Amino acid sequence: METTFSISNRKIDPARRRTSKSRPDGSPDDNDRVETGPTDIAFQEWETLGLTAPNLDRMRQTRLDRIVAQLQARDYAGVLCFDPLNIRYATDSSNMQLWVSHDPTRAVFISASGHVVLWDFDRCDHLSSHLPLINEVRPGGASFIYFLGGDKVNDMARKFAAEVNLLLKEHGGDNRRLAVDKIEIPGLRALDALGIQVQDGMQLMEHARVVKGVDEINAMKCSIATCEIAIAEMRKALMPGIAEVELWSILHRENIARGGEWIEARILNSGPRTNPWMQEAGPRRIEAGDLLAFDTDLIGPYGMCADLSRTWLCGDGPASNEQRLIHSVAMEHIAANIELLKPGVSFAELTEKGHKLPEEYVAQRYCVMMHGIGLCDEYPAIYYPQDFIPGAFDYVLEPGMALCVEAYIGAVGSRDGVKLEEQVLITETGTEILSHCPFDDALAG
């Protein structure tokens, strides 16, 4: 249905060049298309590795179905999302993802019956013309931020809330329960003023996203492969004298060159900067005998996250006894914790039965033992016993969940630290380790 403020999304964009050819993921084999995607290089590499690209149409439908199922289970009329990753999950539509993460100007409404309305940036409706699951695209209405509205943001928010109210009446009847993930204060107050019962949309979306369908799993495997190819190029370039930021730039370059999207952090450090952890890449030039540690946090092709960590020794000399020791502790830690993973195991049980760190490494433990992974680091967070929050995550592992298993090993006051991380899929019978990046033999034993 077209209104004065909406653009119905056509099933076929008349402006798109028609082509009978398709890429392995079902997208048109046409580099003039508006949607982003993997490059020919990426498809060739995945084929060589024996990987299957996702079926994008099926992946999009599966994601929408999961959101609708969550809405119906909670008896919500719909969900309103401003988080760009939730918008991506619901629609596979993206537009300036990093910018809109701090200047929220896009939103999507999904009704409990699956009707989808996208508010996009002004004059950007063409960016979603290839996505028939979006029923309407509305321009500009979600831009009630001070940067764009100044002292009139409250008026803009009331106008937007009125549109949402009409959608609720049309698709939800008397149901006034609306899940919202994130919203600017003027928008929340405008929804409240209309008697809309705002519910926790982030919980709903995290639970929708937590189990991956076959196409999301294939997309994740492709993204990890791209990440690991980029990591291999970093490994080749690691030599005494290279700066941390120079090495880190290689990961960005190789990811982008294959149709990857961005990197969420820049955690790569060397020598004394490996301890304590969380230090981001800087100008330090890496020396022979240094440890080099990194955490990819890479958003690759299809917007899927590849979150891997490795620690390498720089140069041809032998590792020190301390370097080999902390690397072996990290290896033991992640291997033991992966062994615990199988369907039906509770999150609390993972905390309780997880591998116990030697006392000297507890103070600088990583923030979580494990975390979910999909379009980014996601629910759940599996904490160490010292950080456990009773009642926060009373759920169990299910087939199709993907987790990253973490270890940071570094004693307070020591020069070196080791960071390792593996990406793992929960299967019907146990686990499949999705990451295949080799560990450094120089640090073994």
Protein backbone atom coordinates (compact mmCIF):
# COMPACT_ATOMS: atom_id res chain seq x y z
CA MET A 1 0.00 0.00 0.00
CA GLU A 2 1.44 3.39 -0.99
CA THR A 3 0.94 6.43 1.19
CA THR A 4 2.01 10.04 0.93
CA PHE A 5 5.15 9.20 2.88
CA SER A 6 6.11 5.76 1.59
CA ILE A 7 7.59 4.16 -1.47
CA SER A 8 6.40 0.63 -2.12
CA ASN A 9 9.31 -1.68 -2.81
CA ARG A 10 8.93 -3.21 -6.25
CA LYS A 11 9.73 -6.87 -6.66
CA ILE A 12 11.89 -5.99 -9.67
CA ASP A 13 13.76 -2.71 -9.85
CA PRO A 14 13.16 -1.31 -13.36
CA ALA A 15 16.42 0.63 -13.15
CA ARG A 16 18.45 -2.51 -12.62
CA ARG A 17 20.19 -3.95 -15.66
CA ARG A 18 18.57 -7.27 -16.44
CA THR A 19 20.88 -10.27 -16.46
CA SER A 20 20.22 -13.99 -16.68
CA LYS A 21 23.44 -14.80 -14.84
CA SER A 22 23.74 -15.20 -11.10
CA ARG A 23 26.65 -15.42 -8.72
CA PRO A 24 27.02 -18.42 -6.39
CA ASP A 25 24.98 -16.63 -3.69
CA GLY A 26 22.08 -15.96 -6.08
CA SER A 27 22.81 -12.26 -6.55
CA PRO A 28 22.94 -10.91 -10.11
CA ASP A 29 26.27 -11.25 -11.88
CA ASP A 30 26.35 -7.52 -12.47
CA ASN A 31 28.94 -5.19 -10.97
CA ASP A 32 26.71 -2.19 -11.67
CA ARG A 33 24.13 -3.37 -9.13
CA VAL A 34 23.44 -1.17 -6.12
CA GLU A 35 23.96 -3.81 -3.43
CA THR A 36 27.41 -4.57 -2.10
CA GLY A 37 28.81 -8.06 -1.99
CA PRO A 38 31.83 -10.32 -2.38
CA THR A 39 34.25 -9.83 -5.25
CA ASP A 40 35.17 -12.35 -7.92
CA ILE A 41 38.40 -12.97 -6.01
CA ALA A 42 36.45 -14.02 -2.93
CA PHE A 43 34.15 -16.38 -4.85
CA GLN A 44 37.16 -18.01 -6.54
CA GLU A 45 38.96 -18.48 -3.22
CA TRP A 46 35.90 -19.96 -1.56
CA GLU A 47 35.41 -22.38 -4.43
CA THR A 48 39.03 -23.49 -4.15
CA LEU A 49 38.52 -24.08 -0.42
CA GLY A 50 35.37 -26.10 -1.07
CA LEU A 51 33.08 -23.59 0.62
CA THR A 52 29.44 -23.02 -0.29
CA ALA A 53 28.19 -19.45 -0.60
CA PRO A 54 24.92 -18.64 1.17
CA ASN A 55 21.64 -18.54 -0.69
CA LEU A 56 20.82 -14.90 0.03
CA ASP A 57 17.09 -15.08 -0.66
CA ARG A 58 16.69 -18.02 1.71
CA MET A 59 18.93 -16.45 4.37
CA ARG A 60 16.87 -13.25 4.35
CA GLN A 61 13.59 -15.14 4.66
CA THR A 62 14.93 -17.30 7.49
CA ARG A 63 16.02 -14.24 9.44
CA LEU A 64 12.67 -12.52 9.01
CA ASP A 65 10.87 -15.70 10.06
CA ARG A 66 12.94 -15.87 13.25
CA ILE A 67 12.03 -12.29 14.18
CA VAL A 68 8.34 -12.95 13.54
CA ALA A 69 8.50 -16.10 15.68
CA GLN A 70 10.00 -14.12 18.55
CA LEU A 71 7.34 -11.42 18.23
CA GLN A 72 4.51 -13.93 18.25
CA ALA A 73 5.98 -15.84 21.20
CA ARG A 74 6.04 -12.62 23.24
CA ASP A 75 2.70 -11.31 21.96
CA TYR A 76 4.28 -8.10 20.65
CA ALA A 77 2.65 -6.21 17.78
CA GLY A 78 6.03 -5.48 16.25
CA VAL A 79 9.64 -4.47 16.77
CA LEU A 80 11.26 -1.14 15.91
CA CYS A 81 15.01 -1.27 15.32
CA PHE A 82 17.53 1.56 15.06
CA ASP A 83 20.66 -0.51 15.64
CA PRO A 84 22.27 -0.87 12.19
CA LEU A 85 23.10 -4.52 12.77
CA ASN A 86 19.53 -5.33 13.74
CA ILE A 87 18.37 -3.49 10.62
CA ARG A 88 20.85 -5.53 8.60
CA TYR A 89 19.64 -8.77 10.15
CA ALA A 90 15.97 -7.95 9.55
CA THR A 91 16.31 -6.66 6.00
CA ASP A 92 19.88 -7.29 4.71
CA SER A 93 19.83 -3.58 3.91
CA SER A 94 22.90 -1.54 4.81
CA ASN A 95 23.75 2.13 4.44
CA MET A 96 26.73 3.85 6.07
CA GLN A 97 26.77 1.24 8.83
CA LEU A 98 29.41 2.85 11.03
CA TRP A 99 28.05 6.38 10.63
CA VAL A 100 24.48 5.44 11.53
CA SER A 101 25.76 3.60 14.60
CA HIS A 102 26.43 7.01 16.19
CA ASP A 103 24.03 9.14 14.11
CA PRO A 104 20.88 6.98 14.04
CA THR A 105 18.95 8.05 10.95
CA ARG A 106 17.62 4.67 9.80
CA ALA A 107 14.97 2.47 11.36
CA VAL A 108 12.92 -0.59 10.51
CA PHE A 109 9.53 -1.78 11.75
CA ILE A 110 8.63 -5.47 11.54
CA SER A 111 5.10 -6.47 12.47
CA ALA A 112 4.18 -9.78 14.05
CA SER A 113 2.76 -10.77 10.66
CA GLY A 114 6.02 -9.97 8.86
CA HIS A 115 5.21 -6.57 7.31
CA VAL A 116 8.47 -4.62 6.96
CA VAL A 117 8.82 -0.83 6.74
CA LEU A 118 12.27 0.73 6.38
CA TRP A 119 13.02 4.39 7.07
CA ASP A 120 16.20 5.21 5.20
CA PHE A 121 18.36 8.27 4.81
CA ASP A 122 17.00 10.90 2.41
CA ARG A 123 16.89 9.86 -1.25
CA CYS A 124 18.31 6.42 -0.50
CA ASP A 125 15.32 4.19 -1.33
CA HIS A 126 17.23 2.80 -4.34
CA LEU A 127 19.68 1.07 -1.96
CA SER A 128 16.99 -1.44 -0.98
CA SER A 129 15.29 -1.89 -4.35
CA HIS A 130 16.67 -5.44 -4.65
CA LEU A 131 15.09 -6.58 -1.37
CA PRO A 132 11.46 -7.66 -1.94
CA LEU A 133 10.89 -8.58 1.73
CA ILE A 134 10.86 -4.84 2.50
CA ASN A 135 7.27 -3.77 1.87
CA GLU A 136 7.81 -0.01 2.14
CA VAL A 137 10.72 2.41 2.16
CA ARG A 138 10.08 5.77 3.81
CA PRO A 139 12.60 8.59 3.48
CA GLY A 140 14.13 10.59 6.30
CA GLY A 141 11.52 10.11 9.00
CA ALA A 142 13.81 8.50 11.58
CA SER A 143 16.28 11.41 11.63
CA PHE A 144 15.33 12.98 14.97
CA ILE A 145 18.90 13.56 16.13
CA TYR A 146 20.21 16.96 17.16
CA PHE A 147 22.74 17.06 14.31
CA LEU A 148 19.88 17.09 11.78
CA GLY A 149 16.97 18.51 13.79
CA GLY A 150 18.53 20.97 16.17
CA ASP A 151 15.97 22.43 18.55
CA LYS A 152 13.12 20.89 16.54
CA VAL A 153 14.01 17.26 17.28
CA ASN A 154 10.94 16.85 19.50
CA ASP A 155 8.67 17.86 16.62
CA MET A 156 10.48 15.43 14.32
CA ALA A 157 10.21 12.65 16.88
CA ARG A 158 6.46 13.23 17.32
CA LYS A 159 5.97 13.00 13.55
CA PHE A 160 7.89 9.74 13.43
CA ALA A 161 6.01 8.31 16.42
CA ALA A 162 2.72 9.13 14.69
CA GLU A 163 3.78 7.00 11.72
CA VAL A 164 4.70 4.13 14.01
CA ASN A 165 1.35 4.49 15.78
CA LEU A 166 -0.52 4.15 12.48
CA LEU A 167 1.51 1.04 11.63
CA LEU A 168 0.67 -0.50 14.98
CA LYS A 169 -3.05 0.15 14.47
CA GLU A 170 -2.95 -1.25 10.95
CA HIS A 171 -0.91 -4.38 11.70
CA GLY A 172 -1.42 -4.94 15.42
CA GLY A 173 -5.03 -3.96 16.05
CA ASP A 174 -5.47 -3.36 19.77
CA ASN A 175 -2.02 -4.69 20.63
CA ARG A 176 0.07 -1.71 21.82
CA ARG A 177 3.17 -3.72 22.79
CA LEU A 178 6.10 -2.57 20.65
CA ALA A 179 9.66 -3.83 21.11
CA VAL A 180 12.34 -1.16 20.53
CA ASP A 181 16.07 -1.86 20.53
CA LYS A 182 17.63 1.63 20.82
CA ILE A 183 16.07 5.05 20.44
CA GLU A 184 16.92 8.69 21.08
CA ILE A 185 15.23 10.22 24.15
CA PRO A 186 12.82 12.43 22.14
CA GLY A 187 11.63 9.37 20.23
CA LEU A 188 11.01 7.33 23.36
CA ARG A 189 9.04 10.14 24.97
CA ALA A 190 6.95 10.56 21.81
CA LEU A 191 6.08 6.85 21.76
CA ASP A 192 5.19 6.96 25.46
CA ALA A 193 2.92 9.97 24.89
CA LEU A 194 0.87 7.94 22.40
CA GLY A 195 0.31 5.13 24.88
CA ILE A 196 2.62 2.71 23.07
CA GLN A 197 3.95 0.09 25.49
CA VAL A 198 7.68 -0.04 24.75
CA GLN A 199 9.30 -3.43 25.37
CA ASP A 200 12.91 -4.63 25.27
CA GLY A 201 13.73 -4.97 21.59
CA MET A 202 17.39 -5.79 22.07
CA GLN A 203 16.54 -8.93 24.02
CA LEU A 204 14.11 -9.96 21.29
CA MET A 205 16.61 -9.36 18.48
CA GLU A 206 19.50 -11.07 20.26
CA HIS A 207 17.33 -14.15 20.78
CA ALA A 208 16.24 -14.07 17.14
CA ARG A 209 19.84 -13.82 15.98
CA VAL A 210 21.38 -16.42 18.28
CA VAL A 211 20.62 -19.55 16.19
CA LYS A 212 22.06 -19.45 12.69
CA GLY A 213 20.43 -21.09 9.68
CA VAL A 214 22.43 -23.02 7.11
CA ASP A 215 22.96 -19.96 4.94
CA GLU A 216 24.19 -17.81 7.82
CA ILE A 217 26.60 -20.60 8.73
CA ASN A 218 27.84 -20.73 5.13
CA ALA A 219 28.19 -16.94 5.09
CA MET A 220 30.14 -17.08 8.35
CA LYS A 221 32.47 -19.75 6.97
CA CYS A 222 33.11 -17.60 3.90
CA SER A 223 33.83 -14.56 6.05
CA ILE A 224 36.23 -16.54 8.23
CA ALA A 225 38.03 -17.83 5.14
CA THR A 226 38.46 -14.26 3.88
CA CYS A 227 39.74 -13.22 7.31
CA GLU A 228 42.23 -16.08 7.41
CA ILE A 229 43.54 -15.26 3.94
CA ALA A 230 44.11 -11.70 5.20
CA ILE A 231 45.80 -13.04 8.34
CA ALA A 232 48.17 -15.10 6.17
CA GLU A 233 49.21 -11.92 4.38
CA MET A 234 49.89 -10.30 7.75
CA ARG A 235 52.03 -13.29 8.72
CA LYS A 236 54.13 -12.90 5.59
CA ALA A 237 54.71 -9.23 6.37
CA LEU A 238 55.68 -9.74 10.03
CA MET A 239 59.37 -8.98 10.37
CA PRO A 240 61.51 -6.88 12.67
CA GLY A 241 61.08 -3.20 11.94
CA ILE A 242 57.48 -3.16 10.74
CA ALA A 243 55.15 -0.89 12.72
CA GLU A 244 52.06 -2.31 14.39
CA VAL A 245 49.77 -0.03 12.38
CA GLU A 246 51.49 -1.04 9.13
CA LEU A 247 50.85 -4.71 9.89
CA TRP A 248 47.27 -4.03 10.99
CA SER A 249 46.50 -2.16 7.75
CA ILE A 250 47.04 -5.38 5.80
CA LEU A 251 44.07 -7.03 7.50
CA HIS A 252 41.85 -4.11 6.48
CA ARG A 253 43.15 -4.03 2.92
CA GLU A 254 42.71 -7.72 2.21
CA ASN A 255 39.24 -7.82 3.77
CA ILE A 256 37.97 -4.82 1.80
CA ALA A 257 39.49 -6.13 -1.42
CA ARG A 258 37.28 -9.22 -1.16
CA GLY A 259 34.05 -7.42 -0.38
CA GLY A 260 34.42 -7.37 3.39
CA GLU A 261 33.06 -4.40 5.25
CA TRP A 262 34.96 -3.09 8.30
CA ILE A 263 36.83 -3.98 11.48
CA GLU A 264 35.24 -3.18 14.81
CA ALA A 265 38.41 -2.56 16.82
CA ARG A 266 42.15 -2.28 16.16
CA ILE A 267 43.60 -4.57 18.80
CA LEU A 268 47.08 -5.55 17.65
CA ASN A 269 50.08 -5.10 19.89
CA SER A 270 53.64 -6.27 20.32
CA GLY A 271 56.39 -6.77 22.89
CA PRO A 272 55.65 -4.96 26.17
CA ARG A 273 52.33 -3.73 24.73
CA THR A 274 50.94 -7.30 24.81
CA ASN A 275 50.60 -6.99 28.60
CA PRO A 276 48.12 -5.84 29.78
CA TRP A 277 45.67 -6.63 26.99
CA MET A 278 43.28 -4.37 25.01
CA GLN A 279 46.03 -2.07 23.70
CA GLU A 280 45.28 -0.98 20.13
CA ALA A 281 47.73 -0.84 17.23
CA GLY A 282 50.14 2.04 17.43
CA PRO A 283 53.39 3.31 15.91
CA ARG A 284 55.68 0.89 17.78
CA ARG A 285 58.09 -0.96 15.50
CA ILE A 286 58.16 -4.67 16.26
CA GLU A 287 61.49 -6.14 17.33
CA ALA A 288 62.99 -9.60 16.93
CA GLY A 289 61.95 -11.78 19.84
CA ASP A 290 58.74 -9.85 20.48
CA LEU A 291 55.38 -11.50 20.73
CA LEU A 292 52.80 -10.08 18.32
CA ALA A 293 49.17 -10.58 19.38
CA PHE A 294 45.92 -9.54 17.69
CA ASP A 295 42.14 -9.92 17.74
CA THR A 296 40.54 -9.56 14.31
CA ASP A 297 36.99 -8.35 15.18
CA LEU A 298 36.54 -8.36 11.40
CA ILE A 299 33.22 -7.79 9.65
CA GLY A 300 33.73 -9.62 6.40
CA PRO A 301 31.61 -10.40 3.35
CA TYR A 302 27.83 -10.51 3.99
CA GLY A 303 28.41 -8.49 7.15
CA MET A 304 29.40 -11.64 9.08
CA CYS A 305 31.94 -11.36 11.88
CA ALA A 306 35.17 -13.35 11.92
CA ASP A 307 36.57 -12.97 15.42
CA LEU A 308 39.88 -14.79 15.77
CA SER A 309 42.97 -14.20 17.87
CA ARG A 310 46.51 -15.44 17.42
CA THR A 311 49.89 -14.69 18.95
CA TRP A 312 53.10 -15.00 16.95
CA LEU A 313 56.81 -14.74 17.64
CA CYS A 314 58.62 -12.13 15.54
CA GLY A 315 61.93 -13.13 13.98
CA ASP A 316 63.81 -16.39 13.55
CA GLY A 317 65.16 -16.75 17.09
CA PRO A 318 63.78 -19.14 19.69
CA ALA A 319 60.92 -18.22 21.99
CA SER A 320 61.69 -17.77 25.65
CA ASN A 321 60.56 -20.31 28.21
CA GLU A 322 58.02 -17.78 29.52
CA GLN A 323 56.60 -17.15 26.04
CA ARG A 324 56.16 -20.87 25.40
CA LEU A 325 54.61 -21.38 28.82
CA ILE A 326 51.91 -18.72 28.54
CA HIS A 327 51.09 -19.83 24.99
CA SER A 328 50.66 -23.43 26.18
CA VAL A 329 48.36 -22.29 29.02
CA ALA A 330 46.24 -20.36 26.52
CA MET A 331 46.04 -23.36 24.20
CA GLU A 332 45.02 -25.64 27.07
CA HIS A 333 42.40 -23.14 28.22
CA ILE A 334 40.55 -22.84 24.92
CA ALA A 335 40.84 -26.57 24.11
CA ALA A 336 39.37 -27.57 27.48
CA ASN A 337 36.52 -25.08 27.18
CA ILE A 338 35.66 -26.17 23.63
CA GLU A 339 35.34 -29.72 24.96
CA LEU A 340 32.45 -28.57 27.17
CA LEU A 341 30.33 -27.35 24.26
CA LYS A 342 27.33 -29.42 23.18
CA PRO A 343 23.56 -28.93 22.88
CA GLY A 344 21.70 -28.75 26.17
CA VAL A 345 24.61 -27.50 28.28
CA SER A 346 23.54 -24.45 30.30
CA PHE A 347 25.45 -21.21 30.16
CA ALA A 348 25.84 -21.35 33.93
CA GLU A 349 27.35 -24.83 33.64
CA LEU A 350 29.98 -23.51 31.23
CA THR A 351 31.00 -20.95 33.84
CA GLU A 352 31.02 -23.53 36.61
CA LYS A 353 32.91 -26.27 34.74
CA GLY A 354 35.17 -24.09 32.60
CA HIS A 355 38.92 -24.53 32.67
CA LYS A 356 40.39 -22.87 35.76
CA LEU A 357 43.13 -20.37 35.06
CA PRO A 358 46.33 -20.63 37.10
CA GLU A 359 46.15 -18.07 39.89
CA GLU A 360 48.83 -15.78 38.47
CA TYR A 361 46.70 -15.13 35.35
CA VAL A 362 43.32 -14.56 37.00
CA ALA A 363 43.77 -10.84 37.69
CA GLN A 364 44.20 -10.06 33.98
CA ARG A 365 41.71 -12.62 32.64
CA TYR A 366 39.76 -11.76 29.52
CA CYS A 367 36.33 -10.17 30.07
CA VAL A 368 34.51 -13.37 29.02
CA MET A 369 35.32 -17.04 28.60
CA MET A 370 33.14 -17.18 25.47
CA HIS A 371 30.66 -15.05 23.59
CA GLY A 372 28.14 -15.45 20.81
CA ILE A 373 29.03 -14.38 17.28
CA GLY A 374 27.09 -13.49 14.14
CA LEU A 375 26.94 -10.04 12.61
CA CYS A 376 29.12 -8.94 15.54
CA ASP A 377 29.93 -10.10 19.05
CA GLU A 378 26.49 -11.20 20.22
CA TYR A 379 24.56 -12.79 23.07
CA PRO A 380 25.39 -14.81 25.08
CA ALA A 381 28.29 -13.72 27.29
CA ILE A 382 29.79 -16.66 29.18
CA TYR A 383 31.64 -15.23 32.16
CA TYR A 384 34.41 -16.46 34.39
CA PRO A 385 33.18 -17.42 37.89
CA GLN A 386 34.51 -14.16 39.31
CA ASP A 387 32.30 -12.16 36.93
CA PHE A 388 29.20 -14.37 36.83
CA ILE A 389 25.83 -12.57 37.01
CA PRO A 390 23.22 -14.92 38.55
CA GLY A 391 20.03 -15.02 36.51
CA ALA A 392 21.39 -13.01 33.58
CA PHE A 393 21.70 -15.88 31.12
CA ASP A 394 19.55 -18.81 32.24
CA TYR A 395 19.57 -20.54 28.87
CA VAL A 396 21.21 -23.53 27.18
CA LEU A 397 23.29 -24.18 24.08
CA GLU A 398 21.34 -25.06 20.93
CA PRO A 399 22.46 -26.40 17.55
CA GLY A 400 23.16 -23.49 15.24
CA MET A 401 24.63 -21.23 17.90
CA ALA A 402 28.12 -19.90 17.16
CA LEU A 403 30.56 -18.99 19.91
CA CYS A 404 34.04 -17.54 20.20
CA VAL A 405 36.16 -19.21 22.87
CA GLU A 406 38.68 -16.80 24.39
CA ALA A 407 41.91 -16.83 26.33
CA TYR A 408 44.22 -14.07 27.45
CA ILE A 409 47.21 -15.21 29.51
CA GLY A 410 49.53 -12.64 31.03
CA ALA A 411 50.69 -12.17 34.61
CA VAL A 412 50.55 -8.75 36.26
CA GLY A 413 53.88 -7.00 35.76
CA SER A 414 55.21 -9.44 33.14
CA ARG A 415 56.43 -8.23 29.77
CA ASP A 416 54.50 -10.68 27.59
CA GLY A 417 50.90 -11.74 27.12
CA VAL A 418 49.22 -14.22 24.79
CA LYS A 419 45.77 -13.86 23.19
CA LEU A 420 44.07 -16.80 21.45
CA GLU A 421 40.50 -17.21 20.21
CA GLU A 422 38.64 -19.84 18.20
CA GLN A 423 35.26 -19.55 16.46
CA VAL A 424 33.04 -22.58 17.01
CA LEU A 425 29.64 -23.81 15.80
CA ILE A 426 27.33 -25.86 18.04
CA THR A 427 26.11 -28.89 16.07
CA GLU A 428 23.54 -31.59 16.85
CA THR A 429 26.26 -33.73 18.46
CA GLY A 430 28.91 -31.30 19.66
CA THR A 431 31.00 -28.70 17.89
CA GLU A 432 32.60 -27.78 14.61
CA ILE A 433 35.62 -25.52 14.86
CA LEU A 434 35.13 -22.93 12.13
CA SER A 435 38.50 -21.20 12.41
CA HIS A 436 41.49 -22.89 10.79
CA CYS A 437 44.23 -20.31 11.13
CA PRO A 438 47.43 -22.09 12.26
CA PHE A 439 49.02 -21.40 15.60
CA ASP A 440 52.70 -20.46 15.80
CA ASP A 441 54.91 -23.57 15.99
CA ALA A 442 57.70 -21.46 17.47
CA LEU A 443 55.59 -21.05 20.61
CA ALA A 444 54.58 -24.71 20.91
CA GLY A 445 55.64 -26.82 23.85
